[in-house]
Amino acid sequence: MEANKIKYSYLLEGKNIVIDAPIEVDGNKMTIKMSANNPAYQDVDMYAFQDQDNTQMHWYMPTTSFEKFFGNTSVALMLGYGQLDKDDTEGIANVYKTIADAVGSINLCLVMKKTAK
């Protein structure tokens, strides 16, 4: 994988959908440029921290970033199922608004541990 991209995937009716998204890094902030794959998607900011003994990487996603990431996933699935048209900007905006209205507050932290060799 290239250093300036992140790859993620999901299953849609048994079909593996893989997305390579470019990233921009500024200190510990990483912006996943999901809009590069589809202009309907919103870019997502995450923050990464490594512990002192280099055994864990902590990824932090604040509420607005979670809403955007979940919104991107929802839009992708709705487009895949034909429930949303890629040119329906109002419908797409409504997906993100609905998620933002439903999520009061969430802070997501993922911890990745180094495996023993």
N, C-alpha and C. Protein backbone atom coordinates (compact mmCIF):
# COMPACT_ATOMS: atom_id res chain seq x y z
N MET A 1 0.85 -1.17 0.00
CA MET A 1 0.00 0.00 0.00
C MET A 1 0.90 1.24 0.00
N GLU A 2 0.47 2.26 -0.71
CA GLU A 2 1.21 3.52 -0.74
C GLU A 2 1.10 4.23 0.60
N ALA A 3 2.14 5.00 0.94
CA ALA A 3 2.17 5.69 2.22
C ALA A 3 1.12 6.78 2.32
N ASN A 4 0.64 7.30 1.20
CA ASN A 4 -0.32 8.39 1.24
C ASN A 4 -1.74 7.94 0.92
N LYS A 5 -2.04 6.65 1.15
CA LYS A 5 -3.38 6.12 0.93
C LYS A 5 -3.75 5.19 2.06
N ILE A 6 -5.06 5.05 2.27
CA ILE A 6 -5.57 4.07 3.22
C ILE A 6 -6.62 3.25 2.47
N LYS A 7 -6.62 1.96 2.72
CA LYS A 7 -7.56 1.07 2.03
C LYS A 7 -8.54 0.52 3.05
N TYR A 8 -9.82 0.55 2.70
CA TYR A 8 -10.82 -0.07 3.55
C TYR A 8 -11.83 -0.76 2.64
N SER A 9 -12.57 -1.70 3.21
CA SER A 9 -13.50 -2.47 2.38
C SER A 9 -14.74 -2.83 3.19
N TYR A 10 -15.78 -3.19 2.47
CA TYR A 10 -17.01 -3.68 3.07
C TYR A 10 -17.67 -4.64 2.09
N LEU A 11 -18.56 -5.47 2.61
CA LEU A 11 -19.28 -6.42 1.77
C LEU A 11 -20.65 -5.85 1.41
N LEU A 12 -21.00 -5.92 0.13
CA LEU A 12 -22.30 -5.50 -0.35
C LEU A 12 -22.89 -6.66 -1.13
N GLU A 13 -23.87 -7.33 -0.51
CA GLU A 13 -24.51 -8.50 -1.11
C GLU A 13 -23.48 -9.52 -1.57
N GLY A 14 -22.52 -9.81 -0.69
CA GLY A 14 -21.51 -10.81 -0.98
C GLY A 14 -20.36 -10.33 -1.84
N LYS A 15 -20.44 -9.10 -2.33
CA LYS A 15 -19.37 -8.56 -3.16
C LYS A 15 -18.49 -7.65 -2.31
N ASN A 16 -17.18 -7.90 -2.35
CA ASN A 16 -16.24 -7.11 -1.57
C ASN A 16 -15.96 -5.79 -2.29
N ILE A 17 -16.31 -4.69 -1.65
CA ILE A 17 -16.08 -3.35 -2.20
C ILE A 17 -14.84 -2.80 -1.50
N VAL A 18 -13.82 -2.45 -2.27
CA VAL A 18 -12.57 -1.94 -1.73
C VAL A 18 -12.39 -0.50 -2.17
N ILE A 19 -12.04 0.36 -1.23
CA ILE A 19 -11.84 1.78 -1.53
C ILE A 19 -10.45 2.18 -1.07
N ASP A 20 -9.68 2.75 -1.98
CA ASP A 20 -8.39 3.36 -1.65
C ASP A 20 -8.64 4.85 -1.57
N ALA A 21 -8.39 5.42 -0.41
CA ALA A 21 -8.60 6.86 -0.23
C ALA A 21 -7.26 7.54 0.05
N PRO A 22 -6.97 8.63 -0.65
CA PRO A 22 -5.75 9.37 -0.33
C PRO A 22 -5.87 9.99 1.06
N ILE A 23 -4.73 10.17 1.71
CA ILE A 23 -4.72 10.80 3.02
C ILE A 23 -3.76 11.98 3.01
N GLU A 24 -4.07 12.95 3.86
CA GLU A 24 -3.18 14.07 4.11
C GLU A 24 -2.83 14.02 5.59
N VAL A 25 -1.56 14.16 5.91
CA VAL A 25 -1.11 14.09 7.29
C VAL A 25 -0.53 15.43 7.70
N ASP A 26 -0.97 15.91 8.86
CA ASP A 26 -0.47 17.15 9.44
C ASP A 26 -0.26 16.89 10.93
N GLY A 27 0.96 16.58 11.32
CA GLY A 27 1.23 16.21 12.71
C GLY A 27 0.54 14.90 13.03
N ASN A 28 -0.30 14.90 14.06
CA ASN A 28 -1.02 13.67 14.40
C ASN A 28 -2.42 13.62 13.78
N LYS A 29 -2.75 14.62 12.95
CA LYS A 29 -4.05 14.65 12.28
C LYS A 29 -3.93 14.02 10.88
N MET A 30 -4.83 13.10 10.60
CA MET A 30 -4.88 12.46 9.30
C MET A 30 -6.25 12.73 8.68
N THR A 31 -6.26 13.33 7.51
CA THR A 31 -7.52 13.57 6.80
C THR A 31 -7.65 12.52 5.70
N ILE A 32 -8.68 11.70 5.81
CA ILE A 32 -8.96 10.69 4.79
C ILE A 32 -9.81 11.39 3.73
N LYS A 33 -9.27 11.54 2.54
CA LYS A 33 -9.91 12.29 1.46
C LYS A 33 -10.88 11.38 0.70
N MET A 34 -11.97 11.00 1.38
CA MET A 34 -12.95 10.10 0.79
C MET A 34 -13.65 10.74 -0.42
N SER A 35 -13.72 12.06 -0.44
CA SER A 35 -14.35 12.75 -1.56
C SER A 35 -13.60 12.53 -2.87
N ALA A 36 -12.35 12.09 -2.79
CA ALA A 36 -11.59 11.81 -4.01
C ALA A 36 -12.16 10.61 -4.76
N ASN A 37 -12.81 9.70 -4.04
CA ASN A 37 -13.42 8.52 -4.65
C ASN A 37 -14.82 8.80 -5.17
N ASN A 38 -15.51 9.68 -4.49
CA ASN A 38 -16.88 10.01 -4.87
C ASN A 38 -17.19 11.38 -4.28
N PRO A 39 -17.58 12.36 -5.10
CA PRO A 39 -17.85 13.70 -4.57
C PRO A 39 -19.02 13.73 -3.57
N ALA A 40 -19.80 12.67 -3.51
CA ALA A 40 -20.89 12.60 -2.54
C ALA A 40 -20.36 12.34 -1.13
N TYR A 41 -19.14 11.80 -1.02
CA TYR A 41 -18.56 11.50 0.28
C TYR A 41 -17.93 12.74 0.89
N GLN A 42 -17.84 12.74 2.22
CA GLN A 42 -17.20 13.84 2.94
C GLN A 42 -15.85 13.35 3.49
N ASP A 43 -14.88 14.25 3.54
CA ASP A 43 -13.57 13.91 4.08
C ASP A 43 -13.66 13.74 5.59
N VAL A 44 -12.84 12.85 6.14
CA VAL A 44 -12.90 12.49 7.55
C VAL A 44 -11.54 12.74 8.21
N ASP A 45 -11.57 13.47 9.33
CA ASP A 45 -10.36 13.71 10.11
C ASP A 45 -10.26 12.70 11.24
N MET A 46 -9.06 12.13 11.39
CA MET A 46 -8.77 11.24 12.51
C MET A 46 -7.44 11.70 13.11
N TYR A 47 -7.22 11.30 14.34
CA TYR A 47 -5.99 11.66 15.03
C TYR A 47 -5.32 10.39 15.52
N ALA A 48 -4.00 10.29 15.35
CA ALA A 48 -3.27 9.09 15.74
C ALA A 48 -2.21 9.44 16.78
N PHE A 49 -2.09 8.55 17.77
CA PHE A 49 -1.10 8.70 18.83
C PHE A 49 -0.45 7.35 19.06
N GLN A 50 0.85 7.34 19.20
CA GLN A 50 1.58 6.11 19.49
C GLN A 50 2.06 6.17 20.93
N ASP A 51 1.95 5.04 21.66
CA ASP A 51 2.40 5.04 23.05
C ASP A 51 3.94 5.03 23.11
N GLN A 52 4.46 5.27 24.30
CA GLN A 52 5.91 5.45 24.46
C GLN A 52 6.74 4.22 24.11
N ASP A 53 6.21 3.03 24.36
CA ASP A 53 7.03 1.84 24.06
C ASP A 53 6.74 1.26 22.68
N ASN A 54 6.03 2.00 21.84
CA ASN A 54 5.77 1.63 20.44
C ASN A 54 5.03 0.30 20.29
N THR A 55 4.18 -0.05 21.25
CA THR A 55 3.43 -1.29 21.13
C THR A 55 1.97 -1.06 20.75
N GLN A 56 1.50 0.18 20.85
CA GLN A 56 0.11 0.47 20.51
C GLN A 56 0.00 1.76 19.71
N MET A 57 -0.94 1.76 18.78
CA MET A 57 -1.30 2.96 18.04
C MET A 57 -2.75 3.25 18.36
N HIS A 58 -3.04 4.47 18.79
CA HIS A 58 -4.39 4.89 19.14
C HIS A 58 -4.92 5.80 18.03
N TRP A 59 -6.07 5.46 17.49
CA TRP A 59 -6.73 6.27 16.47
C TRP A 59 -7.98 6.86 17.10
N TYR A 60 -8.13 8.15 17.03
CA TYR A 60 -9.24 8.84 17.66
C TYR A 60 -10.09 9.52 16.59
N MET A 61 -11.40 9.32 16.67
CA MET A 61 -12.34 9.92 15.72
C MET A 61 -13.39 10.68 16.52
N PRO A 62 -13.39 12.03 16.46
CA PRO A 62 -14.40 12.80 17.19
C PRO A 62 -15.79 12.65 16.55
N THR A 63 -16.80 13.18 17.21
CA THR A 63 -18.19 13.02 16.79
C THR A 63 -18.41 13.40 15.34
N THR A 64 -17.98 14.59 14.92
CA THR A 64 -18.24 15.03 13.54
C THR A 64 -17.58 14.10 12.53
N SER A 65 -16.41 13.59 12.86
CA SER A 65 -15.73 12.65 11.96
C SER A 65 -16.48 11.33 11.88
N PHE A 66 -16.97 10.84 13.03
CA PHE A 66 -17.77 9.62 13.03
C PHE A 66 -19.01 9.79 12.16
N GLU A 67 -19.69 10.94 12.31
CA GLU A 67 -20.89 11.21 11.52
C GLU A 67 -20.57 11.19 10.03
N LYS A 68 -19.46 11.78 9.64
CA LYS A 68 -19.07 11.80 8.23
C LYS A 68 -18.71 10.41 7.74
N PHE A 69 -17.94 9.64 8.53
CA PHE A 69 -17.57 8.29 8.12
C PHE A 69 -18.80 7.40 8.00
N PHE A 70 -19.67 7.45 9.01
CA PHE A 70 -20.90 6.65 8.97
C PHE A 70 -21.79 7.12 7.82
N GLY A 71 -21.84 8.43 7.59
CA GLY A 71 -22.60 8.98 6.46
C GLY A 71 -22.07 8.48 5.13
N ASN A 72 -20.74 8.47 4.98
CA ASN A 72 -20.12 7.97 3.75
C ASN A 72 -20.49 6.51 3.52
N THR A 73 -20.45 5.72 4.59
CA THR A 73 -20.81 4.31 4.48
C THR A 73 -22.28 4.17 4.10
N SER A 74 -23.14 4.97 4.72
CA SER A 74 -24.57 4.92 4.41
C SER A 74 -24.83 5.33 2.96
N VAL A 75 -24.20 6.40 2.52
CA VAL A 75 -24.38 6.86 1.13
C VAL A 75 -23.90 5.78 0.17
N ALA A 76 -22.73 5.18 0.45
CA ALA A 76 -22.20 4.13 -0.43
C ALA A 76 -23.17 2.96 -0.54
N LEU A 77 -23.71 2.52 0.61
CA LEU A 77 -24.65 1.40 0.59
C LEU A 77 -25.94 1.78 -0.13
N MET A 78 -26.45 2.99 0.14
CA MET A 78 -27.70 3.41 -0.50
C MET A 78 -27.52 3.55 -2.01
N LEU A 79 -26.37 4.03 -2.45
CA LEU A 79 -26.09 4.11 -3.89
C LEU A 79 -26.02 2.70 -4.47
N GLY A 80 -25.33 1.80 -3.74
CA GLY A 80 -25.19 0.42 -4.20
C GLY A 80 -26.51 -0.32 -4.31
N TYR A 81 -27.45 -0.01 -3.43
CA TYR A 81 -28.77 -0.65 -3.46
C TYR A 81 -29.77 0.10 -4.33
N GLY A 82 -29.34 1.20 -4.96
CA GLY A 82 -30.24 1.97 -5.81
C GLY A 82 -31.25 2.79 -5.05
N GLN A 83 -31.02 3.03 -3.75
CA GLN A 83 -31.95 3.80 -2.94
C GLN A 83 -31.66 5.30 -2.99
N LEU A 84 -30.57 5.66 -3.65
CA LEU A 84 -30.14 7.05 -3.72
C LEU A 84 -29.45 7.27 -5.05
N ASP A 85 -29.69 8.42 -5.66
CA ASP A 85 -29.06 8.77 -6.92
C ASP A 85 -27.83 9.62 -6.65
N LYS A 86 -26.71 9.33 -7.33
CA LYS A 86 -25.46 10.05 -7.07
C LYS A 86 -25.56 11.54 -7.37
N ASP A 87 -26.53 11.95 -8.15
CA ASP A 87 -26.71 13.37 -8.48
C ASP A 87 -27.75 14.06 -7.61
N ASP A 88 -28.34 13.33 -6.65
CA ASP A 88 -29.35 13.90 -5.75
C ASP A 88 -28.65 14.55 -4.56
N THR A 89 -28.16 15.77 -4.75
CA THR A 89 -27.39 16.44 -3.69
C THR A 89 -28.24 16.68 -2.44
N GLU A 90 -29.52 16.96 -2.61
CA GLU A 90 -30.39 17.18 -1.45
C GLU A 90 -30.59 15.88 -0.67
N GLY A 91 -30.80 14.79 -1.38
CA GLY A 91 -30.96 13.49 -0.73
C GLY A 91 -29.70 13.06 0.00
N ILE A 92 -28.55 13.29 -0.62
CA ILE A 92 -27.27 12.95 0.00
C ILE A 92 -27.05 13.80 1.25
N ALA A 93 -27.30 15.10 1.14
CA ALA A 93 -27.15 15.99 2.30
C ALA A 93 -28.07 15.55 3.44
N ASN A 94 -29.25 15.06 3.10
CA ASN A 94 -30.21 14.60 4.11
C ASN A 94 -29.69 13.38 4.86
N VAL A 95 -28.95 12.51 4.17
CA VAL A 95 -28.37 11.33 4.83
C VAL A 95 -27.44 11.79 5.96
N TYR A 96 -26.55 12.72 5.63
CA TYR A 96 -25.60 13.23 6.64
C TYR A 96 -26.33 13.97 7.77
N LYS A 97 -27.34 14.75 7.42
CA LYS A 97 -28.10 15.49 8.44
C LYS A 97 -28.83 14.54 9.38
N THR A 98 -29.43 13.50 8.82
CA THR A 98 -30.15 12.53 9.63
C THR A 98 -29.22 11.85 10.64
N ILE A 99 -28.02 11.52 10.19
CA ILE A 99 -27.05 10.89 11.09
C ILE A 99 -26.61 11.88 12.15
N ALA A 100 -26.30 13.12 11.76
CA ALA A 100 -25.87 14.14 12.72
C ALA A 100 -26.96 14.41 13.76
N ASP A 101 -28.22 14.42 13.32
CA ASP A 101 -29.33 14.63 14.25
C ASP A 101 -29.50 13.46 15.22
N ALA A 102 -29.19 12.25 14.76
CA ALA A 102 -29.38 11.05 15.59
C ALA A 102 -28.25 10.83 16.59
N VAL A 103 -27.05 11.29 16.23
CA VAL A 103 -25.88 11.08 17.09
C VAL A 103 -25.70 12.30 17.98
N GLY A 104 -25.94 12.13 19.27
CA GLY A 104 -25.73 13.23 20.20
C GLY A 104 -24.25 13.50 20.36
N SER A 105 -23.53 12.48 20.75
CA SER A 105 -22.09 12.60 20.94
C SER A 105 -21.48 11.22 20.94
N ILE A 106 -20.42 11.06 20.22
CA ILE A 106 -19.67 9.80 20.22
C ILE A 106 -18.23 10.14 19.93
N ASN A 107 -17.37 9.53 20.66
CA ASN A 107 -15.94 9.65 20.42
C ASN A 107 -15.40 8.24 20.30
N LEU A 108 -14.90 7.92 19.13
CA LEU A 108 -14.46 6.56 18.83
C LEU A 108 -12.95 6.49 18.91
N CYS A 109 -12.45 5.53 19.65
CA CYS A 109 -11.00 5.33 19.76
C CYS A 109 -10.70 3.88 19.42
N LEU A 110 -9.85 3.67 18.45
CA LEU A 110 -9.42 2.33 18.07
C LEU A 110 -7.99 2.16 18.56
N VAL A 111 -7.69 1.03 19.16
CA VAL A 111 -6.35 0.77 19.64
C VAL A 111 -5.81 -0.43 18.90
N MET A 112 -4.70 -0.25 18.22
CA MET A 112 -4.04 -1.33 17.52
C MET A 112 -2.79 -1.72 18.29
N LYS A 113 -2.66 -3.02 18.57
CA LYS A 113 -1.51 -3.51 19.31
C LYS A 113 -0.54 -4.20 18.38
N LYS A 114 0.71 -4.04 18.68
CA LYS A 114 1.76 -4.73 17.94
C LYS A 114 1.70 -6.22 18.29
N THR A 115 1.79 -7.07 17.31
CA THR A 115 1.75 -8.50 17.57
C THR A 115 3.13 -9.02 17.93
N ALA A 116 3.16 -10.05 18.74
CA ALA A 116 4.42 -10.67 19.11
C ALA A 116 4.93 -11.50 17.94
N LYS A 117 6.22 -11.51 17.76
CA LYS A 117 6.80 -12.28 16.64
C LYS A 117 7.30 -13.59 17.10
